[in-house]
Amino acid sequence: LAQLVYDHKVSGWDDPRMPTIVGLRRRGYTPAALQLFAERIGVTKSDSWIDYSTLEGCLREDLELKAHRGMAVLNPVKLVLTNWDEVMGTGHLEPCSQPALPHAPHGASSGAAPEGVEPPPARQFTIGKEVWIDREDFEEVPPKGYKRLFPGNKVRLKGGYVIECTGCSKDANGQITEVLATVVPDTKSGTPGSETVKVKAAITWVGVADGVEAEVRLYDRLFLDAQPDAGGKDFIESLNPNSLKVIRAKVEPSLANALPGQNFQFERHGYFVADRVDHIQGRKPVFNLAVGLKDSWGK
């Protein structure tokens, strides 16, 4: 570990990829997750290898009922609702809300907090003519089994309206610059009759009007080899060149007010933490990927 630090292979002892306590804390690992990990691996006098996924599973288990939800678009492309002004009114912004914690503590599915415990306030955001969606949620020519946006298909914008895709706009190089769709009236989530239009998928989104740009750091395993220095191997040769990817993402307004070190679940993406060092509440949102929603290392 010292060699990684002194040779500047990582940013320091608290680099979120490092298996140090300060690194794990900055990555978003909680005391409860580390305690659960220690309980599960037990105690032995002999050297042993513990699969990293065991540690990640403990964090998922701890955060599932604790981490507030939020919508983030990590690879944004603009979605334009072409009939919005006609149906909703020119420039109209419709208020939407979603629960911060969709499941109550102790696994209850009703969403009700235990007696004497104040439930977290609902997240508030708006939908208008333009929203951000992930590029992966649109396919001009969909593969078999694809249920998200493609011309002629309907999906629900989570917490918002059902929309029907009509096509896309491209630049001179053939790159998709905008996805085009129409909003289906009277289908806002939580309103009477909203379920009359059946869809097979709901996608996450962030409004252009109130979305916030954030720096998101996508961390992966530091080494490509599960046992990088076993058998006299040079562990430097096993360093993962893609262990850190920094992107500019769009996040819903509630996430801009995160406190440094606060954990969230970015819906459909994974668990993230507001960076303890670089995140500035309300001014400079910086989030680190703690762990995905499921183990994808084998893939």
Protein backbone atom coordinates (compact mmCIF):
# COMPACT_ATOMS: atom_id res chain seq x y z
CA LEU A 1 0.00 0.00 0.00
CA ALA A 2 2.86 2.38 0.78
CA GLN A 3 4.31 1.81 -2.68
CA LEU A 4 0.96 2.72 -4.27
CA VAL A 5 0.91 5.98 -2.30
CA TYR A 6 4.57 6.98 -2.72
CA ASP A 7 4.60 6.14 -6.45
CA HIS A 8 1.39 8.17 -6.91
CA LYS A 9 -0.59 5.22 -8.25
CA VAL A 10 -3.37 6.49 -5.97
CA SER A 11 -4.12 9.95 -4.58
CA GLY A 12 -3.22 9.08 -0.99
CA TRP A 13 -3.96 6.80 1.93
CA ASP A 14 -7.58 7.96 1.81
CA ASP A 15 -8.04 7.24 -1.91
CA PRO A 16 -11.47 5.54 -2.11
CA ARG A 17 -9.91 2.57 -3.91
CA MET A 18 -7.56 1.81 -1.01
CA PRO A 19 -8.34 -0.97 1.52
CA THR A 20 -7.58 1.38 4.41
CA ILE A 21 -10.09 2.58 7.00
CA VAL A 22 -9.79 6.18 5.76
CA GLY A 23 -10.12 4.99 2.16
CA LEU A 24 -13.17 2.88 2.95
CA ARG A 25 -14.79 5.76 4.83
CA ARG A 26 -14.27 8.09 1.87
CA ARG A 27 -15.66 5.41 -0.44
CA GLY A 28 -18.87 5.42 1.61
CA TYR A 29 -18.40 2.36 3.82
CA THR A 30 -20.19 2.62 7.15
CA PRO A 31 -19.10 1.37 10.57
CA ALA A 32 -22.08 -1.02 10.58
CA ALA A 33 -21.00 -2.51 7.22
CA LEU A 34 -17.44 -3.10 8.45
CA GLN A 35 -18.71 -4.64 11.69
CA LEU A 36 -21.00 -6.97 9.75
CA PHE A 37 -18.07 -7.93 7.51
CA ALA A 38 -15.90 -8.73 10.55
CA GLU A 39 -18.66 -10.90 12.03
CA ARG A 40 -19.10 -12.84 8.80
CA ILE A 41 -15.44 -13.61 8.08
CA GLY A 42 -14.75 -14.75 11.64
CA VAL A 43 -11.34 -15.02 13.32
CA THR A 44 -8.46 -17.28 12.34
CA LYS A 45 -4.71 -17.46 13.04
CA SER A 46 -3.89 -18.55 9.50
CA ASP A 47 -3.64 -16.29 6.46
CA SER A 48 -6.74 -16.33 4.28
CA TRP A 49 -8.21 -14.59 1.22
CA ILE A 50 -11.65 -13.01 1.54
CA ASP A 51 -13.49 -12.23 -1.68
CA TYR A 52 -14.06 -8.48 -2.04
CA SER A 53 -17.71 -9.11 -2.91
CA THR A 54 -18.26 -10.20 0.71
CA LEU A 55 -17.40 -6.69 1.89
CA GLU A 56 -19.53 -5.08 -0.82
CA GLY A 57 -22.51 -7.24 0.12
CA CYS A 58 -22.28 -6.04 3.71
CA LEU A 59 -22.46 -2.41 2.57
CA ARG A 60 -25.49 -3.05 0.36
CA GLU A 61 -27.23 -4.78 3.23
CA ASP A 62 -26.57 -1.88 5.61
CA LEU A 63 -27.61 0.88 3.18
CA GLU A 64 -30.71 -0.75 1.66
CA LEU A 65 -33.09 0.66 4.29
CA LYS A 66 -30.98 3.69 5.30
CA ALA A 67 -29.73 5.46 2.18
CA HIS A 68 -32.05 8.13 0.80
CA ARG A 69 -33.01 7.63 -2.83
CA GLY A 70 -32.31 10.10 -5.61
CA MET A 71 -32.36 10.20 -9.41
CA ALA A 72 -29.15 10.82 -11.32
CA VAL A 73 -28.40 10.70 -15.03
CA LEU A 74 -24.80 9.58 -15.52
CA ASN A 75 -24.65 9.70 -19.33
CA PRO A 76 -27.12 12.46 -20.17
CA VAL A 77 -28.97 13.19 -23.38
CA LYS A 78 -31.84 15.65 -23.60
CA LEU A 79 -35.41 14.35 -23.96
CA VAL A 80 -37.83 16.88 -25.49
CA LEU A 81 -41.58 16.46 -24.93
CA THR A 82 -42.79 18.03 -28.15
CA ASN A 83 -46.45 18.45 -27.15
CA TRP A 84 -45.77 19.71 -23.62
CA ASP A 85 -46.62 23.36 -24.27
CA GLU A 86 -49.85 22.35 -26.00
CA VAL A 87 -50.99 19.92 -23.29
CA MET A 88 -49.59 21.52 -20.13
CA GLY A 89 -49.13 25.18 -21.07
CA THR A 90 -46.14 27.08 -22.41
CA GLY A 91 -43.27 27.06 -19.92
CA HIS A 92 -45.23 25.10 -17.32
CA LEU A 93 -43.26 23.19 -14.69
CA GLU A 94 -45.22 20.44 -12.95
CA PRO A 95 -44.20 19.67 -9.34
CA CYS A 96 -43.38 16.02 -8.60
CA SER A 97 -42.39 14.16 -5.48
CA GLN A 98 -40.99 10.79 -4.52
CA PRO A 99 -40.28 9.25 -1.10
CA ALA A 100 -36.75 9.63 0.24
CA LEU A 101 -37.02 6.12 1.69
CA PRO A 102 -39.55 3.97 -0.19
CA HIS A 103 -39.37 1.23 2.46
CA ALA A 104 -39.78 1.82 6.16
CA PRO A 105 -37.18 0.61 8.67
CA HIS A 106 -37.40 -3.05 9.67
CA GLY A 107 -38.37 -3.99 6.10
CA ALA A 108 -41.96 -2.74 6.21
CA SER A 109 -43.29 -2.09 2.71
CA SER A 110 -45.96 0.42 3.67
CA GLY A 111 -43.52 3.30 3.79
CA ALA A 112 -44.71 4.24 7.30
CA ALA A 113 -42.03 5.03 9.86
CA PRO A 114 -42.11 3.28 13.27
CA GLU A 115 -44.06 5.00 16.03
CA GLY A 116 -42.16 7.99 17.38
CA VAL A 117 -39.83 8.19 14.36
CA GLU A 118 -40.27 11.08 11.94
CA PRO A 119 -40.22 9.87 8.30
CA PRO A 120 -37.81 11.76 6.03
CA PRO A 121 -39.46 14.46 3.90
CA ALA A 122 -40.34 13.53 0.34
CA ARG A 123 -38.00 14.63 -2.44
CA GLN A 124 -39.37 17.53 -4.49
CA PHE A 125 -38.52 18.26 -8.14
CA THR A 126 -40.23 19.43 -11.32
CA ILE A 127 -40.88 18.13 -14.82
CA GLY A 128 -41.13 20.38 -17.86
CA LYS A 129 -40.74 20.29 -21.62
CA GLU A 130 -37.10 19.15 -21.41
CA VAL A 131 -35.57 16.52 -19.15
CA TRP A 132 -32.30 14.61 -19.04
CA ILE A 133 -32.30 10.84 -19.51
CA ASP A 134 -29.48 8.29 -19.78
CA ARG A 135 -28.39 7.56 -23.33
CA GLU A 136 -28.75 3.86 -22.60
CA ASP A 137 -32.50 4.38 -22.17
CA PHE A 138 -33.04 5.08 -25.87
CA GLU A 139 -32.39 2.81 -28.85
CA GLU A 140 -33.30 3.90 -32.37
CA VAL A 141 -33.34 0.22 -33.39
CA PRO A 142 -34.06 -1.71 -30.19
CA PRO A 143 -32.51 -5.13 -29.55
CA LYS A 144 -34.81 -8.03 -28.76
CA GLY A 145 -36.44 -7.67 -25.35
CA TYR A 146 -35.63 -3.95 -25.00
CA LYS A 147 -38.45 -2.23 -23.06
CA ARG A 148 -37.29 1.35 -22.75
CA LEU A 149 -37.49 4.21 -25.24
CA PHE A 150 -37.63 3.52 -28.97
CA PRO A 151 -39.90 5.01 -31.66
CA GLY A 152 -43.51 4.02 -30.97
CA ASN A 153 -42.92 2.68 -27.44
CA LYS A 154 -44.33 4.09 -24.21
CA VAL A 155 -42.54 4.26 -20.85
CA ARG A 156 -43.11 6.08 -17.59
CA LEU A 157 -40.82 8.82 -16.38
CA LYS A 158 -40.54 7.70 -12.77
CA GLY A 159 -42.66 9.93 -10.53
CA GLY A 160 -43.87 11.80 -13.62
CA TYR A 161 -45.85 11.02 -16.75
CA VAL A 162 -46.17 8.28 -19.33
CA ILE A 163 -44.52 9.35 -22.58
CA GLU A 164 -44.46 7.93 -26.10
CA CYS A 165 -41.21 8.08 -28.06
CA THR A 166 -41.47 9.56 -31.56
CA GLY A 167 -37.83 9.58 -32.68
CA CYS A 168 -34.63 11.55 -32.23
CA SER A 169 -32.49 14.36 -33.64
CA LYS A 170 -28.88 13.89 -34.73
CA ASP A 171 -25.91 16.10 -35.54
CA ALA A 172 -23.84 16.03 -38.74
CA ASN A 173 -21.80 13.09 -37.40
CA GLY A 174 -24.87 10.97 -36.70
CA GLN A 175 -24.60 11.44 -32.94
CA ILE A 176 -27.99 11.59 -31.18
CA THR A 177 -28.45 15.07 -29.73
CA GLU A 178 -32.07 14.85 -28.58
CA VAL A 179 -34.67 12.16 -28.00
CA LEU A 180 -38.20 13.21 -28.99
CA ALA A 181 -41.42 12.08 -27.33
CA THR A 182 -44.95 13.19 -26.51
CA VAL A 183 -46.46 13.29 -23.04
CA VAL A 184 -49.65 11.29 -22.46
CA PRO A 185 -52.11 13.55 -20.56
CA ASP A 186 -53.61 12.53 -17.21
CA THR A 187 -50.95 9.91 -16.45
CA LYS A 188 -48.98 11.66 -13.68
CA SER A 189 -47.87 9.19 -11.02
CA GLY A 190 -50.12 9.13 -7.97
CA THR A 191 -53.11 10.84 -9.63
CA PRO A 192 -56.49 9.20 -10.36
CA GLY A 193 -56.46 7.28 -13.62
CA SER A 194 -52.67 7.39 -13.95
CA GLU A 195 -52.51 3.60 -14.31
CA THR A 196 -54.96 3.38 -17.19
CA VAL A 197 -52.06 3.49 -19.67
CA LYS A 198 -49.98 0.35 -19.15
CA VAL A 199 -46.23 0.42 -19.80
CA LYS A 200 -43.50 -2.20 -19.40
CA ALA A 201 -40.75 0.07 -18.09
CA ALA A 202 -40.10 3.15 -15.97
CA ILE A 203 -36.94 5.18 -16.47
CA THR A 204 -35.19 7.69 -14.23
CA TRP A 205 -34.68 11.29 -15.34
CA VAL A 206 -33.68 14.75 -14.14
CA GLY A 207 -35.46 17.95 -15.12
CA VAL A 208 -33.50 20.45 -17.20
CA ALA A 209 -35.13 23.30 -15.26
CA ASP A 210 -33.99 22.28 -11.77
CA GLY A 211 -31.39 19.57 -12.34
CA VAL A 212 -27.91 20.13 -10.92
CA GLU A 213 -24.59 19.27 -12.56
CA ALA A 214 -22.37 17.13 -10.35
CA GLU A 215 -18.97 15.48 -10.54
CA VAL A 216 -19.37 11.73 -10.15
CA ARG A 217 -16.40 9.44 -9.56
CA LEU A 218 -16.98 5.89 -10.70
CA TYR A 219 -14.63 3.58 -8.81
CA ASP A 220 -13.88 -0.01 -9.71
CA ARG A 221 -11.58 -2.65 -8.19
CA LEU A 222 -8.02 -1.38 -7.80
CA PHE A 223 -6.59 -4.65 -9.14
CA LEU A 224 -7.62 -6.87 -12.05
CA ASP A 225 -6.35 -9.94 -10.19
CA ALA A 226 -8.25 -11.16 -7.13
CA GLN A 227 -4.88 -12.07 -5.50
CA PRO A 228 -2.48 -9.49 -7.02
CA ASP A 229 0.69 -10.46 -5.12
CA ALA A 230 0.15 -14.18 -4.59
CA GLY A 231 2.95 -16.51 -5.68
CA GLY A 232 5.56 -13.77 -5.93
CA LYS A 233 3.72 -11.80 -8.66
CA ASP A 234 4.41 -8.10 -9.21
CA PHE A 235 1.18 -6.55 -8.00
CA ILE A 236 1.81 -3.34 -9.98
CA GLU A 237 1.20 -5.29 -13.18
CA SER A 238 -2.27 -6.15 -11.90
CA LEU A 239 -3.38 -2.53 -11.39
CA ASN A 240 -6.70 -1.81 -13.07
CA PRO A 241 -6.21 1.12 -15.52
CA ASN A 242 -9.97 1.78 -15.39
CA SER A 243 -10.33 1.81 -11.61
CA LEU A 244 -11.42 5.47 -11.69
CA LYS A 245 -13.60 7.28 -14.21
CA VAL A 246 -14.70 10.88 -13.55
CA ILE A 247 -17.86 12.06 -15.31
CA ARG A 248 -20.18 15.06 -15.31
CA ALA A 249 -23.69 13.94 -14.41
CA LYS A 250 -27.09 15.52 -13.83
CA VAL A 251 -28.70 14.96 -10.42
CA GLU A 252 -32.04 15.92 -8.92
CA PRO A 253 -32.04 19.10 -6.76
CA SER A 254 -32.29 17.27 -3.40
CA LEU A 255 -28.85 15.73 -3.95
CA ALA A 256 -27.16 19.14 -4.20
CA ASN A 257 -27.95 19.67 -0.50
CA ALA A 258 -26.19 16.46 0.58
CA LEU A 259 -23.83 16.66 3.53
CA PRO A 260 -20.23 15.46 3.05
CA GLY A 261 -20.14 11.76 3.86
CA GLN A 262 -23.90 11.26 3.36
CA ASN A 263 -24.89 8.05 1.56
CA PHE A 264 -27.51 7.80 -1.18
CA GLN A 265 -28.90 5.25 -3.58
CA PHE A 266 -28.90 6.65 -7.10
CA GLU A 267 -31.88 4.73 -8.40
CA ARG A 268 -30.96 2.03 -10.94
CA HIS A 269 -27.23 2.84 -10.59
CA GLY A 270 -25.97 2.00 -7.11
CA TYR A 271 -24.96 3.46 -3.76
CA PHE A 272 -23.02 6.72 -3.76
CA VAL A 273 -21.56 8.99 -1.08
CA ALA A 274 -20.97 12.75 -1.08
CA ASP A 275 -17.17 13.04 -1.00
CA ARG A 276 -15.86 13.88 2.47
CA VAL A 277 -13.13 16.18 1.09
CA ASP A 278 -14.22 17.80 -2.17
CA HIS A 279 -18.03 17.97 -1.92
CA ILE A 280 -19.37 21.39 -0.94
CA GLN A 281 -23.04 21.40 0.07
CA GLY A 282 -25.18 23.47 -2.28
CA ARG A 283 -22.23 24.68 -4.39
CA LYS A 284 -20.03 21.84 -5.63
CA PRO A 285 -21.65 18.39 -5.59
CA VAL A 286 -19.11 15.54 -5.77
CA PHE A 287 -20.22 11.93 -5.37
CA ASN A 288 -18.23 8.70 -5.17
CA LEU A 289 -19.57 5.33 -6.24
CA ALA A 290 -19.53 3.15 -3.12
CA VAL A 291 -20.94 -0.04 -4.60
CA GLY A 292 -23.30 -1.06 -7.40
CA LEU A 293 -26.75 -2.45 -6.75
CA LYS A 294 -25.46 -5.94 -7.50
CA ASP A 295 -22.12 -7.59 -8.04
CA SER A 296 -20.99 -7.02 -11.64
CA TRP A 297 -17.31 -7.91 -11.17
CA GLY A 298 -17.70 -11.33 -12.78
CA LYS A 299 -19.01 -9.71 -15.95
